[in-house]
Amino acid sequence: TGRKYQCQFTYTCDGNPEKIHEPAAYTSVGKVARAELDGRAPAV
């Protein structure tokens, strides 16, 4: 991240603000992140 489109995850360098406009969706993916970090998710 630092140069436009020169990054691994496009949303971090596409020039658009990283704002959460869908709080329900953020809560859902937050649960996924929590389970992944806690080592509860099966490998896929």
PDB file of all heavy atoms in Angstrom:
ATOM      1  N   THR A   1       0.838  -1.191   0.000  1.00  0.00           N
ATOM      2  CA  THR A   1       0.000   0.000   0.000  1.00  0.00           C
ATOM      3  C   THR A   1       0.879   1.250   0.000  1.00  0.00           C
ATOM      4  O   THR A   1       1.849   1.333   0.731  1.00  0.00           O
ATOM      5  CB  THR A   1      -0.924   0.008   1.230  1.00  0.00           C
ATOM      6  OG1 THR A   1      -1.769  -1.135   1.144  1.00  0.00           O
ATOM      7  CG2 THR A   1      -1.788   1.258   1.270  1.00  0.00           C
ATOM      8  N   GLY A   2       0.524   2.200  -0.808  1.00  0.00           N
ATOM      9  CA  GLY A   2       1.319   3.431  -0.923  1.00  0.00           C
ATOM     10  C   GLY A   2       1.203   4.009  -2.314  1.00  0.00           C
ATOM     11  O   GLY A   2       1.082   5.209  -2.496  1.00  0.00           O
ATOM     12  N   ARG A   3       1.195   3.112  -3.317  1.00  0.00           N
ATOM     13  CA  ARG A   3       0.999   3.548  -4.690  1.00  0.00           C
ATOM     14  C   ARG A   3      -0.295   2.945  -5.221  1.00  0.00           C
ATOM     15  O   ARG A   3      -0.636   1.809  -4.904  1.00  0.00           O
ATOM     16  CB  ARG A   3       2.174   3.104  -5.567  1.00  0.00           C
ATOM     17  CG  ARG A   3       3.477   3.840  -5.266  1.00  0.00           C
ATOM     18  CD  ARG A   3       4.570   3.396  -6.220  1.00  0.00           C
ATOM     19  NE  ARG A   3       4.865   1.967  -6.063  1.00  0.00           N
ATOM     20  CZ  ARG A   3       5.578   1.245  -6.932  1.00  0.00           C
ATOM     21  NH1 ARG A   3       6.030   1.826  -8.041  1.00  0.00           N
ATOM     22  NH2 ARG A   3       5.823  -0.021  -6.720  1.00  0.00           N
ATOM     23  N   LYS A   4      -1.004   3.698  -6.030  1.00  0.00           N
ATOM     24  CA  LYS A   4      -2.310   3.257  -6.511  1.00  0.00           C
ATOM     25  C   LYS A   4      -2.193   1.960  -7.302  1.00  0.00           C
ATOM     26  O   LYS A   4      -1.400   1.838  -8.236  1.00  0.00           O
ATOM     27  CB  LYS A   4      -2.948   4.355  -7.372  1.00  0.00           C
ATOM     28  CG  LYS A   4      -4.433   4.126  -7.616  1.00  0.00           C
ATOM     29  CD  LYS A   4      -5.091   5.341  -8.244  1.00  0.00           C
ATOM     30  CE  LYS A   4      -6.597   5.138  -8.360  1.00  0.00           C
ATOM     31  NZ  LYS A   4      -7.270   6.321  -8.939  1.00  0.00           N
ATOM     32  N   TYR A   5      -2.989   0.992  -6.896  1.00  0.00           N
ATOM     33  CA  TYR A   5      -3.066  -0.333  -7.514  1.00  0.00           C
ATOM     34  C   TYR A   5      -1.752  -1.110  -7.441  1.00  0.00           C
ATOM     35  O   TYR A   5      -1.572  -2.087  -8.157  1.00  0.00           O
ATOM     36  CB  TYR A   5      -3.539  -0.232  -8.974  1.00  0.00           C
ATOM     37  CG  TYR A   5      -4.912   0.378  -9.097  1.00  0.00           C
ATOM     38  CD1 TYR A   5      -5.113   1.541  -9.838  1.00  0.00           C
ATOM     39  CD2 TYR A   5      -6.015  -0.189  -8.467  1.00  0.00           C
ATOM     40  CE1 TYR A   5      -6.378   2.115  -9.943  1.00  0.00           C
ATOM     41  CE2 TYR A   5      -7.277   0.376  -8.558  1.00  0.00           C
ATOM     42  CZ  TYR A   5      -7.443   1.533  -9.298  1.00  0.00           C
ATOM     43  OH  TYR A   5      -8.686   2.103  -9.393  1.00  0.00           O
ATOM     44  N   GLN A   6      -0.852  -0.688  -6.575  1.00  0.00           N
ATOM     45  CA  GLN A   6       0.392  -1.424  -6.367  1.00  0.00           C
ATOM     46  C   GLN A   6       0.366  -2.042  -4.972  1.00  0.00           C
ATOM     47  O   GLN A   6       1.199  -1.751  -4.121  1.00  0.00           O
ATOM     48  CB  GLN A   6       1.598  -0.491  -6.537  1.00  0.00           C
ATOM     49  CG  GLN A   6       1.738   0.126  -7.902  1.00  0.00           C
ATOM     50  CD  GLN A   6       1.960  -0.921  -8.989  1.00  0.00           C
ATOM     51  OE1 GLN A   6       2.817  -1.800  -8.858  1.00  0.00           O
ATOM     52  NE2 GLN A   6       1.184  -0.837 -10.050  1.00  0.00           N
ATOM     53  N   CYS A   7      -0.612  -2.893  -4.757  1.00  0.00           N
ATOM     54  CA  CYS A   7      -0.766  -3.499  -3.439  1.00  0.00           C
ATOM     55  C   CYS A   7      -1.352  -4.898  -3.601  1.00  0.00           C
ATOM     56  O   CYS A   7      -1.753  -5.300  -4.695  1.00  0.00           O
ATOM     57  CB  CYS A   7      -1.668  -2.640  -2.557  1.00  0.00           C
ATOM     58  SG  CYS A   7      -3.295  -2.318  -3.265  1.00  0.00           S
ATOM     59  N   GLN A   8      -1.398  -5.642  -2.504  1.00  0.00           N
ATOM     60  CA  GLN A   8      -1.900  -7.015  -2.538  1.00  0.00           C
ATOM     61  C   GLN A   8      -3.420  -7.072  -2.483  1.00  0.00           C
ATOM     62  O   GLN A   8      -4.034  -7.957  -3.081  1.00  0.00           O
ATOM     63  CB  GLN A   8      -1.300  -7.800  -1.366  1.00  0.00           C
ATOM     64  CG  GLN A   8       0.209  -7.958  -1.428  1.00  0.00           C
ATOM     65  CD  GLN A   8       0.649  -8.827  -2.594  1.00  0.00           C
ATOM     66  OE1 GLN A   8       0.147  -9.921  -2.797  1.00  0.00           O
ATOM     67  NE2 GLN A   8       1.582  -8.322  -3.387  1.00  0.00           N
ATOM     68  N   PHE A   9      -4.027  -6.144  -1.763  1.00  0.00           N
ATOM     69  CA  PHE A   9      -5.482  -6.111  -1.627  1.00  0.00           C
ATOM     70  C   PHE A   9      -5.966  -4.757  -2.154  1.00  0.00           C
ATOM     71  O   PHE A   9      -5.721  -3.717  -1.540  1.00  0.00           O
ATOM     72  CB  PHE A   9      -5.894  -6.327  -0.170  1.00  0.00           C
ATOM     73  CG  PHE A   9      -5.515  -7.693   0.346  1.00  0.00           C
ATOM     74  CD1 PHE A   9      -4.245  -7.939   0.850  1.00  0.00           C
ATOM     75  CD2 PHE A   9      -6.429  -8.743   0.300  1.00  0.00           C
ATOM     76  CE1 PHE A   9      -3.887  -9.202   1.299  1.00  0.00           C
ATOM     77  CE2 PHE A   9      -6.084 -10.010   0.754  1.00  0.00           C
ATOM     78  CZ  PHE A   9      -4.810 -10.239   1.251  1.00  0.00           C
ATOM     79  N   THR A  10      -6.626  -4.794  -3.299  1.00  0.00           N
ATOM     80  CA  THR A  10      -6.926  -3.586  -4.064  1.00  0.00           C
ATOM     81  C   THR A  10      -7.610  -2.493  -3.260  1.00  0.00           C
ATOM     82  O   THR A  10      -7.333  -1.306  -3.451  1.00  0.00           O
ATOM     83  CB  THR A  10      -7.796  -3.944  -5.282  1.00  0.00           C
ATOM     84  OG1 THR A  10      -7.143  -4.971  -6.034  1.00  0.00           O
ATOM     85  CG2 THR A  10      -8.002  -2.734  -6.176  1.00  0.00           C
ATOM     86  N   TYR A  11      -8.484  -2.862  -2.344  1.00  0.00           N
ATOM     87  CA  TYR A  11      -9.240  -1.840  -1.627  1.00  0.00           C
ATOM     88  C   TYR A  11      -8.339  -0.929  -0.799  1.00  0.00           C
ATOM     89  O   TYR A  11      -8.734   0.190  -0.438  1.00  0.00           O
ATOM     90  CB  TYR A  11     -10.311  -2.485  -0.740  1.00  0.00           C
ATOM     91  CG  TYR A  11      -9.818  -3.013   0.579  1.00  0.00           C
ATOM     92  CD1 TYR A  11      -9.821  -2.204   1.723  1.00  0.00           C
ATOM     93  CD2 TYR A  11      -9.358  -4.322   0.704  1.00  0.00           C
ATOM     94  CE1 TYR A  11      -9.369  -2.687   2.942  1.00  0.00           C
ATOM     95  CE2 TYR A  11      -8.907  -4.802   1.911  1.00  0.00           C
ATOM     96  CZ  TYR A  11      -8.909  -3.990   3.030  1.00  0.00           C
ATOM     97  OH  TYR A  11      -8.458  -4.471   4.232  1.00  0.00           O
ATOM     98  N   THR A  12      -7.109  -1.393  -0.499  1.00  0.00           N
ATOM     99  CA  THR A  12      -6.215  -0.572   0.316  1.00  0.00           C
ATOM    100  C   THR A  12      -5.464   0.464  -0.511  1.00  0.00           C
ATOM    101  O   THR A  12      -4.796   1.334   0.065  1.00  0.00           O
ATOM    102  CB  THR A  12      -5.191  -1.454   1.057  1.00  0.00           C
ATOM    103  OG1 THR A  12      -4.303  -2.069   0.104  1.00  0.00           O
ATOM    104  CG2 THR A  12      -5.879  -2.511   1.895  1.00  0.00           C
ATOM    105  N   CYS A  13      -5.543   0.386  -1.848  1.00  0.00           N
ATOM    106  CA  CYS A  13      -4.768   1.325  -2.672  1.00  0.00           C
ATOM    107  C   CYS A  13      -5.515   1.756  -3.934  1.00  0.00           C
ATOM    108  O   CYS A  13      -4.889   2.122  -4.929  1.00  0.00           O
ATOM    109  CB  CYS A  13      -3.411   0.725  -3.044  1.00  0.00           C
ATOM    110  SG  CYS A  13      -3.508  -0.746  -4.104  1.00  0.00           S
ATOM    111  N   ASP A  14      -6.846   1.689  -3.896  1.00  0.00           N
ATOM    112  CA  ASP A  14      -7.608   2.096  -5.076  1.00  0.00           C
ATOM    113  C   ASP A  14      -8.022   3.562  -5.042  1.00  0.00           C
ATOM    114  O   ASP A  14      -8.702   4.057  -5.947  1.00  0.00           O
ATOM    115  CB  ASP A  14      -8.846   1.211  -5.258  1.00  0.00           C
ATOM    116  CG  ASP A  14      -9.796   1.272  -4.067  1.00  0.00           C
ATOM    117  OD1 ASP A  14      -9.546   2.066  -3.133  1.00  0.00           O
ATOM    118  OD2 ASP A  14     -10.786   0.520  -4.070  1.00  0.00           O
ATOM    119  N   GLY A  15      -7.632   4.249  -3.990  1.00  0.00           N
ATOM    120  CA  GLY A  15      -7.949   5.662  -3.888  1.00  0.00           C
ATOM    121  C   GLY A  15      -9.305   5.961  -3.277  1.00  0.00           C
ATOM    122  O   GLY A  15      -9.638   7.129  -3.038  1.00  0.00           O
ATOM    123  N   ASN A  16     -10.110   4.950  -3.023  1.00  0.00           N
ATOM    124  CA  ASN A  16     -11.428   5.150  -2.430  1.00  0.00           C
ATOM    125  C   ASN A  16     -11.343   5.086  -0.905  1.00  0.00           C
ATOM    126  O   ASN A  16     -10.576   4.284  -0.363  1.00  0.00           O
ATOM    127  CB  ASN A  16     -12.417   4.091  -2.924  1.00  0.00           C
ATOM    128  CG  ASN A  16     -12.640   4.172  -4.419  1.00  0.00           C
ATOM    129  OD1 ASN A  16     -12.727   5.271  -4.980  1.00  0.00           O
ATOM    130  ND2 ASN A  16     -12.729   3.025  -5.081  1.00  0.00           N
ATOM    131  N   PRO A  17     -12.132   5.908  -0.206  1.00  0.00           N
ATOM    132  CA  PRO A  17     -12.113   5.864   1.258  1.00  0.00           C
ATOM    133  C   PRO A  17     -12.645   4.533   1.773  1.00  0.00           C
ATOM    134  O   PRO A  17     -13.591   3.972   1.216  1.00  0.00           O
ATOM    135  CB  PRO A  17     -13.020   7.029   1.663  1.00  0.00           C
ATOM    136  CG  PRO A  17     -13.909   7.254   0.485  1.00  0.00           C
ATOM    137  CD  PRO A  17     -13.075   6.923  -0.723  1.00  0.00           C
ATOM    138  N   GLU A  18     -12.027   4.025   2.807  1.00  0.00           N
ATOM    139  CA  GLU A  18     -12.412   2.721   3.373  1.00  0.00           C
ATOM    140  C   GLU A  18     -13.444   2.938   4.485  1.00  0.00           C
ATOM    141  O   GLU A  18     -13.128   2.902   5.666  1.00  0.00           O
ATOM    142  CB  GLU A  18     -11.172   1.992   3.887  1.00  0.00           C
ATOM    143  CG  GLU A  18     -10.180   1.662   2.772  1.00  0.00           C
ATOM    144  CD  GLU A  18      -8.778   1.410   3.266  1.00  0.00           C
ATOM    145  OE1 GLU A  18      -8.615   1.211   4.489  1.00  0.00           O
ATOM    146  OE2 GLU A  18      -7.845   1.449   2.446  1.00  0.00           O
ATOM    147  N   LYS A  19     -14.667   3.153   4.081  1.00  0.00           N
ATOM    148  CA  LYS A  19     -15.751   3.409   5.015  1.00  0.00           C
ATOM    149  C   LYS A  19     -16.724   2.239   5.049  1.00  0.00           C
ATOM    150  O   LYS A  19     -17.019   1.641   4.016  1.00  0.00           O
ATOM    151  CB  LYS A  19     -16.491   4.691   4.628  1.00  0.00           C
ATOM    152  CG  LYS A  19     -15.648   5.953   4.763  1.00  0.00           C
ATOM    153  CD  LYS A  19     -16.476   7.194   4.445  1.00  0.00           C
ATOM    154  CE  LYS A  19     -15.645   8.469   4.633  1.00  0.00           C
ATOM    155  NZ  LYS A  19     -16.441   9.698   4.325  1.00  0.00           N
ATOM    156  N   ILE A  20     -17.193   1.923   6.229  1.00  0.00           N
ATOM    157  CA  ILE A  20     -18.152   0.834   6.416  1.00  0.00           C
ATOM    158  C   ILE A  20     -19.566   1.404   6.263  1.00  0.00           C
ATOM    159  O   ILE A  20     -20.044   2.146   7.131  1.00  0.00           O
ATOM    160  CB  ILE A  20     -17.991   0.180   7.805  1.00  0.00           C
ATOM    161  CG1 ILE A  20     -16.545  -0.272   8.021  1.00  0.00           C
ATOM    162  CG2 ILE A  20     -18.974  -0.977   7.966  1.00  0.00           C
ATOM    163  CD1 ILE A  20     -16.058  -1.323   7.077  1.00  0.00           C
ATOM    164  N   HIS A  21     -20.215   1.070   5.174  1.00  0.00           N
ATOM    165  CA  HIS A  21     -21.570   1.572   4.921  1.00  0.00           C
ATOM    166  C   HIS A  21     -22.645   0.532   5.250  1.00  0.00           C
ATOM    167  O   HIS A  21     -23.827   0.845   5.247  1.00  0.00           O
ATOM    168  CB  HIS A  21     -21.709   1.996   3.458  1.00  0.00           C
ATOM    169  CG  HIS A  21     -20.852   3.169   3.079  1.00  0.00           C
ATOM    170  ND1 HIS A  21     -21.043   4.436   3.584  1.00  0.00           N
ATOM    171  CD2 HIS A  21     -19.765   3.247   2.255  1.00  0.00           C
ATOM    172  CE1 HIS A  21     -20.142   5.262   3.081  1.00  0.00           C
ATOM    173  NE2 HIS A  21     -19.341   4.567   2.278  1.00  0.00           N
ATOM    174  N   GLU A  22     -22.218  -0.719   5.490  1.00  0.00           N
ATOM    175  CA  GLU A  22     -23.164  -1.795   5.791  1.00  0.00           C
ATOM    176  C   GLU A  22     -22.776  -2.434   7.127  1.00  0.00           C
ATOM    177  O   GLU A  22     -22.075  -3.443   7.163  1.00  0.00           O
ATOM    178  CB  GLU A  22     -23.160  -2.839   4.680  1.00  0.00           C
ATOM    179  CG  GLU A  22     -23.520  -2.281   3.306  1.00  0.00           C
ATOM    180  CD  GLU A  22     -23.392  -3.321   2.209  1.00  0.00           C
ATOM    181  OE1 GLU A  22     -23.785  -4.484   2.447  1.00  0.00           O
ATOM    182  OE2 GLU A  22     -22.882  -2.991   1.120  1.00  0.00           O
ATOM    183  N   PRO A  23     -23.215  -1.848   8.223  1.00  0.00           N
ATOM    184  CA  PRO A  23     -22.806  -2.358   9.549  1.00  0.00           C
ATOM    185  C   PRO A  23     -23.210  -3.804   9.802  1.00  0.00           C
ATOM    186  O   PRO A  23     -22.490  -4.539  10.473  1.00  0.00           O
ATOM    187  CB  PRO A  23     -23.489  -1.391  10.523  1.00  0.00           C
ATOM    188  CG  PRO A  23     -24.563  -0.716   9.734  1.00  0.00           C
ATOM    189  CD  PRO A  23     -24.073  -0.653   8.332  1.00  0.00           C
ATOM    190  N   ALA A  24     -24.362  -4.238   9.283  1.00  0.00           N
ATOM    191  CA  ALA A  24     -24.783  -5.626   9.494  1.00  0.00           C
ATOM    192  C   ALA A  24     -23.813  -6.583   8.806  1.00  0.00           C
ATOM    193  O   ALA A  24     -23.445  -7.625   9.357  1.00  0.00           O
ATOM    194  CB  ALA A  24     -26.201  -5.841   8.971  1.00  0.00           C
ATOM    195  N   ALA A  25     -23.385  -6.228   7.595  1.00  0.00           N
ATOM    196  CA  ALA A  25     -22.426  -7.061   6.875  1.00  0.00           C
ATOM    197  C   ALA A  25     -21.082  -7.075   7.594  1.00  0.00           C
ATOM    198  O   ALA A  25     -20.400  -8.113   7.657  1.00  0.00           O
ATOM    199  CB  ALA A  25     -22.253  -6.546   5.445  1.00  0.00           C
ATOM    200  N   TYR A  26     -20.709  -5.934   8.168  1.00  0.00           N
ATOM    201  CA  TYR A  26     -19.440  -5.869   8.904  1.00  0.00           C
ATOM    202  C   TYR A  26     -19.488  -6.749  10.143  1.00  0.00           C
ATOM    203  O   TYR A  26     -18.515  -7.431  10.475  1.00  0.00           O
ATOM    204  CB  TYR A  26     -19.139  -4.426   9.289  1.00  0.00           C
ATOM    205  CG  TYR A  26     -17.824  -4.261  10.014  1.00  0.00           C
ATOM    206  CD1 TYR A  26     -16.615  -4.366   9.328  1.00  0.00           C
ATOM    207  CD2 TYR A  26     -17.777  -4.016  11.384  1.00  0.00           C
ATOM    208  CE1 TYR A  26     -15.397  -4.225   9.993  1.00  0.00           C
ATOM    209  CE2 TYR A  26     -16.576  -3.878  12.049  1.00  0.00           C
ATOM    210  CZ  TYR A  26     -15.390  -3.986  11.343  1.00  0.00           C
ATOM    211  OH  TYR A  26     -14.191  -3.862  11.999  1.00  0.00           O
ATOM    212  N   THR A  27     -20.620  -6.761  10.831  1.00  0.00           N
ATOM    213  CA  THR A  27     -20.768  -7.632  12.001  1.00  0.00           C
ATOM    214  C   THR A  27     -20.644  -9.090  11.597  1.00  0.00           C
ATOM    215  O   THR A  27     -19.999  -9.897  12.279  1.00  0.00           O
ATOM    216  CB  THR A  27     -22.124  -7.392  12.690  1.00  0.00           C
ATOM    217  OG1 THR A  27     -22.179  -6.041  13.160  1.00  0.00           O
ATOM    218  CG2 THR A  27     -22.319  -8.337  13.869  1.00  0.00           C
ATOM    219  N   SER A  28     -21.242  -9.451  10.468  1.00  0.00           N
ATOM    220  CA  SER A  28     -21.194 -10.838   9.998  1.00  0.00           C
ATOM    221  C   SER A  28     -19.775 -11.274   9.686  1.00  0.00           C
ATOM    222  O   SER A  28     -19.315 -12.333  10.134  1.00  0.00           O
ATOM    223  CB  SER A  28     -22.076 -11.002   8.758  1.00  0.00           C
ATOM    224  OG  SER A  28     -23.441 -10.825   9.080  1.00  0.00           O
ATOM    225  N   VAL A  29     -19.048 -10.471   8.906  1.00  0.00           N
ATOM    226  CA  VAL A  29     -17.671 -10.857   8.566  1.00  0.00           C
ATOM    227  C   VAL A  29     -16.778 -10.766   9.801  1.00  0.00           C
ATOM    228  O   VAL A  29     -15.767 -11.479   9.889  1.00  0.00           O
ATOM    229  CB  VAL A  29     -17.104  -9.998   7.420  1.00  0.00           C
ATOM    230  CG1 VAL A  29     -17.906 -10.225   6.141  1.00  0.00           C
ATOM    231  CG2 VAL A  29     -17.064  -8.523   7.780  1.00  0.00           C
ATOM    232  N   GLY A  30     -17.162  -9.916  10.761  1.00  0.00           N
ATOM    233  CA  GLY A  30     -16.409  -9.863  12.014  1.00  0.00           C
ATOM    234  C   GLY A  30     -16.496 -11.172  12.776  1.00  0.00           C
ATOM    235  O   GLY A  30     -15.540 -11.605  13.418  1.00  0.00           O
ATOM    236  N   LYS A  31     -17.654 -11.831  12.693  1.00  0.00           N
ATOM    237  CA  LYS A  31     -17.809 -13.146  13.323  1.00  0.00           C
ATOM    238  C   LYS A  31     -16.921 -14.181  12.633  1.00  0.00           C
ATOM    239  O   LYS A  31     -16.330 -15.048  13.292  1.00  0.00           O
ATOM    240  CB  LYS A  31     -19.269 -13.582  13.261  1.00  0.00           C
ATOM    241  CG  LYS A  31     -20.217 -12.735  14.100  1.00  0.00           C
ATOM    242  CD  LYS A  31     -21.663 -13.194  13.946  1.00  0.00           C
ATOM    243  CE  LYS A  31     -22.610 -12.365  14.795  1.00  0.00           C
ATOM    244  NZ  LYS A  31     -24.024 -12.821  14.676  1.00  0.00           N
ATOM    245  N   VAL A  32     -16.843 -14.095  11.318  1.00  0.00           N
ATOM    246  CA  VAL A  32     -15.971 -15.000  10.568  1.00  0.00           C
ATOM    247  C   VAL A  32     -14.514 -14.775  10.981  1.00  0.00           C
ATOM    248  O   VAL A  32     -13.770 -15.728  11.240  1.00  0.00           O
ATOM    249  CB  VAL A  32     -16.137 -14.778   9.052  1.00  0.00           C
ATOM    250  CG1 VAL A  32     -15.112 -15.596   8.265  1.00  0.00           C
ATOM    251  CG2 VAL A  32     -17.552 -15.149   8.608  1.00  0.00           C
ATOM    252  N   ALA A  33     -14.120 -13.510  11.052  1.00  0.00           N
ATOM    253  CA  ALA A  33     -12.750 -13.181  11.454  1.00  0.00           C
ATOM    254  C   ALA A  33     -12.448 -13.701  12.856  1.00  0.00           C
ATOM    255  O   ALA A  33     -11.375 -14.243  13.121  1.00  0.00           O
ATOM    256  CB  ALA A  33     -12.544 -11.669  11.395  1.00  0.00           C
ATOM    257  N   ARG A  34     -13.412 -13.552  13.770  1.00  0.00           N
ATOM    258  CA  ARG A  34     -13.221 -14.008  15.146  1.00  0.00           C
ATOM    259  C   ARG A  34     -13.031 -15.528  15.191  1.00  0.00           C
ATOM    260  O   ARG A  34     -12.134 -16.035  15.887  1.00  0.00           O
ATOM    261  CB  ARG A  34     -14.428 -13.605  15.986  1.00  0.00           C
ATOM    262  CG  ARG A  34     -14.359 -13.890  17.470  1.00  0.00           C
ATOM    263  CD  ARG A  34     -13.382 -12.976  18.173  1.00  0.00           C
ATOM    264  NE  ARG A  34     -12.036 -13.537  18.208  1.00  0.00           N
ATOM    265  CZ  ARG A  34     -10.957 -12.816  18.465  1.00  0.00           C
ATOM    266  NH1 ARG A  34     -11.053 -11.519  18.682  1.00  0.00           N
ATOM    267  NH2 ARG A  34      -9.780 -13.385  18.497  1.00  0.00           N
ATOM    268  N   ALA A  35     -13.860 -16.266  14.468  1.00  0.00           N
ATOM    269  CA  ALA A  35     -13.750 -17.725  14.451  1.00  0.00           C
ATOM    270  C   ALA A  35     -12.425 -18.166  13.834  1.00  0.00           C
ATOM    271  O   ALA A  35     -11.792 -19.119  14.300  1.00  0.00           O
ATOM    272  CB  ALA A  35     -14.922 -18.325  13.679  1.00  0.00           C
ATOM    273  N   GLU A  36     -11.988 -17.467  12.790  1.00  0.00           N
ATOM    274  CA  GLU A  36     -10.719 -17.800  12.135  1.00  0.00           C
ATOM    275  C   GLU A  36      -9.550 -17.554  13.079  1.00  0.00           C
ATOM    276  O   GLU A  36      -8.657 -18.402  13.212  1.00  0.00           O
ATOM    277  CB  GLU A  36     -10.558 -16.973  10.863  1.00  0.00           C
ATOM    278  CG  GLU A  36      -9.382 -17.372   9.999  1.00  0.00           C
ATOM    279  CD  GLU A  36      -9.572 -18.719   9.319  1.00  0.00           C
ATOM    280  OE1 GLU A  36     -10.694 -19.023   8.879  1.00  0.00           O
ATOM    281  OE2 GLU A  36      -8.573 -19.475   9.230  1.00  0.00           O
ATOM    282  N   LEU A  37      -9.559 -16.441  13.759  1.00  0.00           N
ATOM    283  CA  LEU A  37      -8.481 -16.128  14.688  1.00  0.00           C
ATOM    284  C   LEU A  37      -8.461 -17.065  15.890  1.00  0.00           C
ATOM    285  O   LEU A  37      -7.395 -17.360  16.439  1.00  0.00           O
ATOM    286  CB  LEU A  37      -8.619 -14.679  15.165  1.00  0.00           C
ATOM    287  CG  LEU A  37      -8.226 -13.599  14.158  1.00  0.00           C
ATOM    288  CD1 LEU A  37      -8.613 -12.223  14.679  1.00  0.00           C
ATOM    289  CD2 LEU A  37      -6.736 -13.648  13.877  1.00  0.00           C
ATOM    290  N   ASP A  38      -9.617 -17.537  16.286  1.00  0.00           N
ATOM    291  CA  ASP A  38      -9.712 -18.446  17.430  1.00  0.00           C
ATOM    292  C   ASP A  38      -9.383 -19.884  17.058  1.00  0.00           C
ATOM    293  O   ASP A  38      -9.428 -20.773  17.911  1.00  0.00           O
ATOM    294  CB  ASP A  38     -11.121 -18.381  18.037  1.00  0.00           C
ATOM    295  CG  ASP A  38     -11.399 -17.044  18.706  1.00  0.00           C
ATOM    296  OD1 ASP A  38     -10.440 -16.295  18.973  1.00  0.00           O
ATOM    297  OD2 ASP A  38     -12.587 -16.742  18.961  1.00  0.00           O
ATOM    298  N   GLY A  39      -9.076 -20.128  15.784  1.00  0.00           N
ATOM    299  CA  GLY A  39      -8.713 -21.471  15.349  1.00  0.00           C
ATOM    300  C   GLY A  39      -9.876 -22.431  15.279  1.00  0.00           C
ATOM    301  O   GLY A  39      -9.693 -23.650  15.354  1.00  0.00           O
ATOM    302  N   ARG A  40     -11.082 -21.916  15.133  1.00  0.00           N
ATOM    303  CA  ARG A  40     -12.274 -22.770  15.135  1.00  0.00           C
ATOM    304  C   ARG A  40     -12.695 -23.199  13.725  1.00  0.00           C
ATOM    305  O   ARG A  40     -13.517 -24.098  13.580  1.00  0.00           O
ATOM    306  CB  ARG A  40     -13.434 -22.024  15.806  1.00  0.00           C
ATOM    307  CG  ARG A  40     -13.197 -21.706  17.270  1.00  0.00           C
ATOM    308  CD  ARG A  40     -14.251 -20.757  17.791  1.00  0.00           C
ATOM    309  NE  ARG A  40     -15.597 -21.260  17.544  1.00  0.00           N
ATOM    310  CZ  ARG A  40     -16.684 -20.511  17.516  1.00  0.00           C
ATOM    311  NH1 ARG A  40     -16.584 -19.209  17.685  1.00  0.00           N
ATOM    312  NH2 ARG A  40     -17.864 -21.047  17.312  1.00  0.00           N
ATOM    313  N   ALA A  41     -12.172 -22.550  12.716  1.00  0.00           N
ATOM    314  CA  ALA A  41     -12.635 -22.806  11.354  1.00  0.00           C
ATOM    315  C   ALA A  41     -11.893 -23.978  10.715  1.00  0.00           C
ATOM    316  O   ALA A  41     -10.676 -24.077  10.834  1.00  0.00           O
ATOM    317  CB  ALA A  41     -12.459 -21.561  10.500  1.00  0.00           C
ATOM    318  N   PRO A  42     -12.604 -24.862  10.035  1.00  0.00           N
ATOM    319  CA  PRO A  42     -11.922 -25.958   9.327  1.00  0.00           C
ATOM    320  C   PRO A  42     -11.189 -25.426   8.107  1.00  0.00           C
ATOM    321  O   PRO A  42     -11.593 -24.416   7.512  1.00  0.00           O
ATOM    322  CB  PRO A  42     -13.084 -26.875   8.917  1.00  0.00           C
ATOM    323  CG  PRO A  42     -14.262 -25.952   8.810  1.00  0.00           C
ATOM    324  CD  PRO A  42     -14.068 -24.925   9.884  1.00  0.00           C
ATOM    325  N   ALA A  43     -10.089 -26.077   7.745  1.00  0.00           N
ATOM    326  CA  ALA A  43      -9.316 -25.660   6.572  1.00  0.00           C
ATOM    327  C   ALA A  43     -10.084 -25.985   5.295  1.00  0.00           C
ATOM    328  O   ALA A  43     -10.652 -27.064   5.158  1.00  0.00           O
ATOM    329  CB  ALA A  43      -7.964 -26.355   6.568  1.00  0.00           C
ATOM    330  N   VAL A  44     -10.088 -25.036   4.363  1.00  0.00           N
ATOM    331  CA  VAL A  44     -10.834 -25.243   3.112  1.00  0.00           C
ATOM    332  C   VAL A  44     -10.013 -24.918   1.872  1.00  0.00           C
ATOM    333  O   VAL A  44     -10.489 -25.106   0.749  1.00  0.00           O
ATOM    334  CB  VAL A  44     -12.123 -24.396   3.088  1.00  0.00           C
ATOM    335  CG1 VAL A  44     -13.100 -24.865   4.155  1.00  0.00           C
ATOM    336  CG2 VAL A  44     -11.824 -22.909   3.252  1.00  0.00           C
TER     337      VAL A  44
END
